[in-house]
Amino acid sequence: MITLCPNCRQKVLLVYFEKTGDQMSHCAGCGTYVHATYESGAEREVWDFHFEKPRPVSKKKRGCCCELLLILLVLSGIIYWLLNNK
C-alpha cells in the first residue's frame, strides 16, 4: 500500500500493511513517521493512520572558554595597572 505524507506529499510505502495489519514507516523527504493499522471484521474494515512529525533538536550554545579567558586577562591587566600606579 502507498500513502502520501501530509507534510511534503511524498509517497510512503507500507509494503506489509494488509498482510500483518500493522506497520510503521517513515517519509524519506521530511522524516514524518506513519503508523498504520488495519483490521478486517465481518461487517466493516477499520483503517487507522497516525502521522508523527519529530520535533527539531534544539542546539544549545556551549559556553566558550575563550571569552572567559579574555575577560580574566583584561581584569588582571587592570588590577596590575592599578596596583603599580600608586
Protein backbone atom coordinates (compact mmCIF):
# COMPACT_ATOMS: atom_id res chain seq x y z
CA MET A 1 0.00 0.00 0.00
CA ILE A 2 1.14 3.53 -0.72
CA THR A 3 0.08 6.62 1.23
CA LEU A 4 1.05 10.25 0.85
CA CYS A 5 2.88 12.18 3.54
CA PRO A 6 0.66 15.06 4.75
CA ASN A 7 3.62 17.45 5.01
CA CYS A 8 5.56 17.03 1.78
CA ARG A 9 3.18 14.89 -0.35
CA GLN A 10 5.87 12.28 -0.97
CA LYS A 11 4.91 8.60 -1.31
CA VAL A 12 5.37 6.42 1.77
CA LEU A 13 5.44 2.68 1.11
CA LEU A 14 3.62 0.37 3.51
CA VAL A 15 4.55 -2.98 1.98
CA TYR A 16 3.38 -5.41 4.69
CA PHE A 17 0.41 -3.36 5.88
CA GLU A 18 -2.53 -5.50 4.69
CA LYS A 19 -0.74 -8.81 5.40
CA THR A 20 0.25 -8.12 9.00
CA GLY A 21 -2.34 -5.48 9.93
CA ASP A 22 0.18 -3.14 11.50
CA GLN A 23 3.16 -1.27 10.10
CA MET A 24 5.30 1.76 10.82
CA SER A 25 7.39 3.56 8.23
CA HIS A 26 8.90 6.99 7.74
CA CYS A 27 8.85 9.56 4.95
CA ALA A 28 12.22 9.97 3.25
CA GLY A 29 11.51 13.62 2.46
CA CYS A 30 10.68 15.16 5.83
CA GLY A 31 11.11 12.34 8.36
CA THR A 32 7.44 12.07 9.35
CA TYR A 33 6.57 8.67 10.82
CA VAL A 34 3.49 6.87 9.52
CA HIS A 35 1.85 4.29 11.78
CA ALA A 36 -0.98 2.36 10.16
CA THR A 37 -3.26 -0.38 11.47
CA TYR A 38 -5.74 -2.48 9.53
CA GLU A 39 -8.48 -4.66 10.96
CA SER A 40 -10.95 -6.65 8.92
CA GLY A 41 -14.21 -7.70 10.53
CA ALA A 42 -17.40 -9.36 9.35
CA GLU A 43 -19.22 -6.12 8.58
CA ARG A 44 -16.51 -3.50 8.20
CA GLU A 45 -12.85 -2.83 7.67
CA VAL A 46 -11.09 -0.42 10.02
CA TRP A 47 -8.12 1.58 8.73
CA ASP A 48 -6.27 3.78 11.17
CA PHE A 49 -3.40 6.11 10.21
CA HIS A 50 -1.30 8.23 12.54
CA PHE A 51 1.32 10.71 11.39
CA GLU A 52 4.04 11.81 13.79
CA LYS A 53 6.45 14.57 12.86
CA PRO A 54 9.57 14.58 15.04
CA ARG A 55 10.42 17.86 16.72
CA PRO A 56 13.63 19.53 15.65
CA VAL A 57 16.52 19.05 18.03
CA SER A 58 17.44 22.29 19.70
CA LYS A 59 21.12 23.10 19.50
CA LYS A 60 22.28 24.57 22.76
CA LYS A 61 25.11 27.02 22.53
CA ARG A 62 28.10 25.93 24.52
CA GLY A 63 29.92 28.46 26.61
CA CYS A 64 33.22 29.44 25.10
CA CYS A 65 36.29 29.39 27.30
CA CYS A 66 37.96 31.97 25.08
CA GLU A 67 35.55 34.68 26.20
CA LEU A 68 36.12 33.83 29.86
CA LEU A 69 39.91 33.84 29.43
CA LEU A 70 39.78 37.20 27.67
CA ILE A 71 37.74 38.73 30.49
CA LEU A 72 40.14 37.34 33.11
CA LEU A 73 43.13 38.64 31.17
CA VAL A 74 41.64 42.15 30.91
CA LEU A 75 40.70 42.18 34.62
CA SER A 76 44.15 41.01 35.68
CA GLY A 77 45.70 43.72 33.48
CA ILE A 78 43.52 46.40 35.08
CA ILE A 79 44.31 45.17 38.60
CA TYR A 80 48.05 45.03 37.83
CA TRP A 81 47.93 48.57 36.40
CA LEU A 82 46.04 49.89 39.45
CA LEU A 83 48.46 48.28 41.93
CA ASN A 84 51.60 49.59 40.16
CA ASN A 85 50.38 53.19 39.69
CA LYS A 86 50.12 54.10 43.37
